[in-house]
């Protein structure tokens, strides 16, 4: 706790007096931690903005979190629940080949 009137610093838990140096060191350490965390979050934000597919994932997340609608399958138009995405994947070349062989109807 900081007592601005008396110019003292004390522990908020036990009330013991804390030296100004140690209080300032704690504040500086915490500020450094917060700055590093903020820098990491800004880097992550920039990385997300760079990746187009992540924009689509964010859009899906907004729809699911809204709780009133489900995103639709672009092929059959049925709703997709988040738990239905199992992590299975298909190679891009194979999917392109499948789509050329059997184009979906609009």
C-alpha atoms as a PDB file:
ATOM      1  CA  UNK A   1       0.000   0.000   0.000  1.00  0.00           C
ATOM      2  CA  UNK A   2       1.284   3.449  -0.846  1.00  0.00           C
ATOM      3  CA  UNK A   3       0.730   6.253   1.619  1.00  0.00           C
ATOM      4  CA  UNK A   4       1.274   9.369  -0.487  1.00  0.00           C
ATOM      5  CA  UNK A   5       0.721  11.670   2.470  1.00  0.00           C
ATOM      6  CA  UNK A   6       3.542  10.146   4.534  1.00  0.00           C
ATOM      7  CA  UNK A   7       5.657   8.903   1.636  1.00  0.00           C
ATOM      8  CA  UNK A   8       5.698   5.288   2.848  1.00  0.00           C
ATOM      9  CA  UNK A   9       5.072   1.908   1.284  1.00  0.00           C
ATOM     10  CA  UNK A  10       3.766  -1.072   3.234  1.00  0.00           C
ATOM     11  CA  UNK A  11       2.699  -4.627   2.476  1.00  0.00           C
ATOM     12  CA  UNK A  12      -1.055  -4.761   1.908  1.00  0.00           C
ATOM     13  CA  UNK A  13      -1.207  -8.262   3.461  1.00  0.00           C
ATOM     14  CA  UNK A  14       0.778  -7.866   6.666  1.00  0.00           C
ATOM     15  CA  UNK A  15       1.280  -4.101   6.957  1.00  0.00           C
ATOM     16  CA  UNK A  16       5.075  -4.436   7.203  1.00  0.00           C
ATOM     17  CA  UNK A  17       7.039  -1.461   5.889  1.00  0.00           C
ATOM     18  CA  UNK A  18       8.634  -2.019   2.474  1.00  0.00           C
ATOM     19  CA  UNK A  19      11.636  -0.074   1.223  1.00  0.00           C
ATOM     20  CA  UNK A  20      10.927   2.294  -1.632  1.00  0.00           C
ATOM     21  CA  UNK A  21      13.647   0.557  -3.668  1.00  0.00           C
ATOM     22  CA  UNK A  22      11.978  -2.862  -3.379  1.00  0.00           C
ATOM     23  CA  UNK A  23       8.562  -1.407  -4.154  1.00  0.00           C
ATOM     24  CA  UNK A  24       9.922   0.344  -7.251  1.00  0.00           C
ATOM     25  CA  UNK A  25      11.764  -2.816  -8.311  1.00  0.00           C
ATOM     26  CA  UNK A  26       8.526  -4.837  -8.045  1.00  0.00           C
ATOM     27  CA  UNK A  27       6.626  -2.275 -10.106  1.00  0.00           C
ATOM     28  CA  UNK A  28       9.383  -2.198 -12.749  1.00  0.00           C
ATOM     29  CA  UNK A  29       9.513  -6.003 -12.917  1.00  0.00           C
ATOM     30  CA  UNK A  30       5.741  -6.224 -13.360  1.00  0.00           C
ATOM     31  CA  UNK A  31       5.768  -3.475 -15.979  1.00  0.00           C
ATOM     32  CA  UNK A  32       8.475  -5.337 -17.906  1.00  0.00           C
ATOM     33  CA  UNK A  33       6.386  -8.499 -17.790  1.00  0.00           C
ATOM     34  CA  UNK A  34       3.300  -6.642 -19.011  1.00  0.00           C
ATOM     35  CA  UNK A  35       5.270  -5.028 -21.842  1.00  0.00           C
ATOM     36  CA  UNK A  36       6.598  -8.415 -22.976  1.00  0.00           C
ATOM     37  CA  UNK A  37       3.103  -9.910 -22.847  1.00  0.00           C
ATOM     38  CA  UNK A  38       1.691  -6.977 -24.824  1.00  0.00           C
ATOM     39  CA  UNK A  39       4.437  -7.292 -27.440  1.00  0.00           C
ATOM     40  CA  UNK A  40       3.702 -11.018 -27.782  1.00  0.00           C
ATOM     41  CA  UNK A  41      -0.010 -10.316 -28.186  1.00  0.00           C
ATOM     42  CA  UNK A  42       0.709  -7.668 -30.839  1.00  0.00           C
ATOM     43  CA  UNK A  43       2.945 -10.116 -32.732  1.00  0.00           C
ATOM     44  CA  UNK A  44       0.216 -12.747 -32.546  1.00  0.00           C
ATOM     45  CA  UNK A  45      -2.381 -10.241 -33.747  1.00  0.00           C
ATOM     46  CA  UNK A  46      -0.190  -9.277 -36.721  1.00  0.00           C
ATOM     47  CA  UNK A  47       0.345 -12.948 -37.558  1.00  0.00           C
ATOM     48  CA  UNK A  48      -3.399 -13.602 -37.465  1.00  0.00           C
ATOM     49  CA  UNK A  49      -4.089 -10.636 -39.730  1.00  0.00           C
ATOM     50  CA  UNK A  50      -1.571 -11.981 -42.242  1.00  0.00           C
ATOM     51  CA  UNK A  51      -3.213 -15.383 -42.556  1.00  0.00           C
ATOM     52  CA  UNK A  52      -6.398 -15.341 -44.602  1.00  0.00           C
ATOM     53  CA  UNK A  53      -7.627 -18.709 -43.377  1.00  0.00           C
ATOM     54  CA  UNK A  54      -7.492 -17.497 -39.795  1.00  0.00           C
ATOM     55  CA  UNK A  55      -9.960 -14.756 -40.702  1.00  0.00           C
ATOM     56  CA  UNK A  56     -12.388 -17.475 -41.720  1.00  0.00           C
ATOM     57  CA  UNK A  57     -11.799 -19.299 -38.439  1.00  0.00           C
ATOM     58  CA  UNK A  58     -12.453 -16.089 -36.491  1.00  0.00           C
ATOM     59  CA  UNK A  59     -15.700 -15.623 -38.436  1.00  0.00           C
ATOM     60  CA  UNK A  60     -16.787 -19.186 -37.586  1.00  0.00           C
ATOM     61  CA  UNK A  61     -15.904 -18.583 -33.948  1.00  0.00           C
ATOM     62  CA  UNK A  62     -18.043 -15.413 -33.846  1.00  0.00           C
ATOM     63  CA  UNK A  63     -21.013 -17.329 -35.264  1.00  0.00           C
ATOM     64  CA  UNK A  64     -20.633 -20.188 -32.756  1.00  0.00           C
ATOM     65  CA  UNK A  65     -20.126 -17.839 -29.805  1.00  0.00           C
ATOM     66  CA  UNK A  66     -23.208 -15.857 -30.803  1.00  0.00           C
ATOM     67  CA  UNK A  67     -25.250 -18.866 -29.717  1.00  0.00           C
ATOM     68  CA  UNK A  68     -28.089 -18.152 -32.143  1.00  0.00           C
ATOM     69  CA  UNK A  69     -26.816 -19.666 -35.386  1.00  0.00           C
ATOM     70  CA  UNK A  70     -24.473 -22.250 -36.838  1.00  0.00           C
ATOM     71  CA  UNK A  71     -22.149 -21.798 -39.806  1.00  0.00           C
ATOM     72  CA  UNK A  72     -23.283 -23.805 -42.822  1.00  0.00           C
ATOM     73  CA  UNK A  73     -21.471 -26.374 -44.897  1.00  0.00           C
ATOM     74  CA  UNK A  74     -20.801 -24.691 -48.267  1.00  0.00           C
ATOM     75  CA  UNK A  75     -21.795 -27.911 -50.050  1.00  0.00           C
ATOM     76  CA  UNK A  76     -24.925 -29.267 -48.358  1.00  0.00           C
ATOM     77  CA  UNK A  77     -25.929 -26.072 -46.493  1.00  0.00           C
ATOM     78  CA  UNK A  78     -26.480 -27.931 -43.197  1.00  0.00           C
ATOM     79  CA  UNK A  79     -25.321 -26.412 -39.905  1.00  0.00           C
ATOM     80  CA  UNK A  80     -21.938 -27.371 -38.495  1.00  0.00           C
ATOM     81  CA  UNK A  81     -21.370 -27.667 -34.714  1.00  0.00           C
ATOM     82  CA  UNK A  82     -17.845 -26.911 -33.475  1.00  0.00           C
ATOM     83  CA  UNK A  83     -17.473 -30.413 -31.973  1.00  0.00           C
ATOM     84  CA  UNK A  84     -18.032 -31.901 -35.437  1.00  0.00           C
ATOM     85  CA  UNK A  85     -14.678 -30.548 -36.602  1.00  0.00           C
ATOM     86  CA  UNK A  86     -12.520 -33.498 -35.614  1.00  0.00           C
ATOM     87  CA  UNK A  87      -9.186 -32.294 -36.935  1.00  0.00           C
ATOM     88  CA  UNK A  88      -9.309 -34.567 -39.979  1.00  0.00           C
ATOM     89  CA  UNK A  89      -7.735 -33.052 -43.063  1.00  0.00           C
ATOM     90  CA  UNK A  90      -7.320 -33.660 -46.768  1.00  0.00           C
ATOM     91  CA  UNK A  91      -4.500 -32.571 -49.030  1.00  0.00           C
ATOM     92  CA  UNK A  92      -5.169 -29.477 -51.122  1.00  0.00           C
ATOM     93  CA  UNK A  93      -4.188 -31.194 -54.379  1.00  0.00           C
ATOM     94  CA  UNK A  94      -6.546 -34.113 -53.689  1.00  0.00           C
ATOM     95  CA  UNK A  95      -9.435 -31.786 -52.812  1.00  0.00           C
ATOM     96  CA  UNK A  96      -8.858 -29.708 -55.948  1.00  0.00           C
ATOM     97  CA  UNK A  97      -8.891 -32.909 -58.001  1.00  0.00           C
ATOM     98  CA  UNK A  98     -12.155 -34.031 -56.365  1.00  0.00           C
ATOM     99  CA  UNK A  99     -13.803 -30.666 -57.014  1.00  0.00           C
ATOM    100  CA  UNK A 100     -12.819 -30.684 -60.668  1.00  0.00           C
ATOM    101  CA  UNK A 101     -14.153 -34.217 -61.075  1.00  0.00           C
ATOM    102  CA  UNK A 102     -17.445 -33.491 -59.307  1.00  0.00           C
ATOM    103  CA  UNK A 103     -18.254 -29.781 -59.150  1.00  0.00           C
ATOM    104  CA  UNK A 104     -20.943 -28.816 -56.661  1.00  0.00           C
ATOM    105  CA  UNK A 105     -24.158 -27.350 -57.878  1.00  0.00           C
ATOM    106  CA  UNK A 106     -24.944 -23.729 -56.891  1.00  0.00           C
END
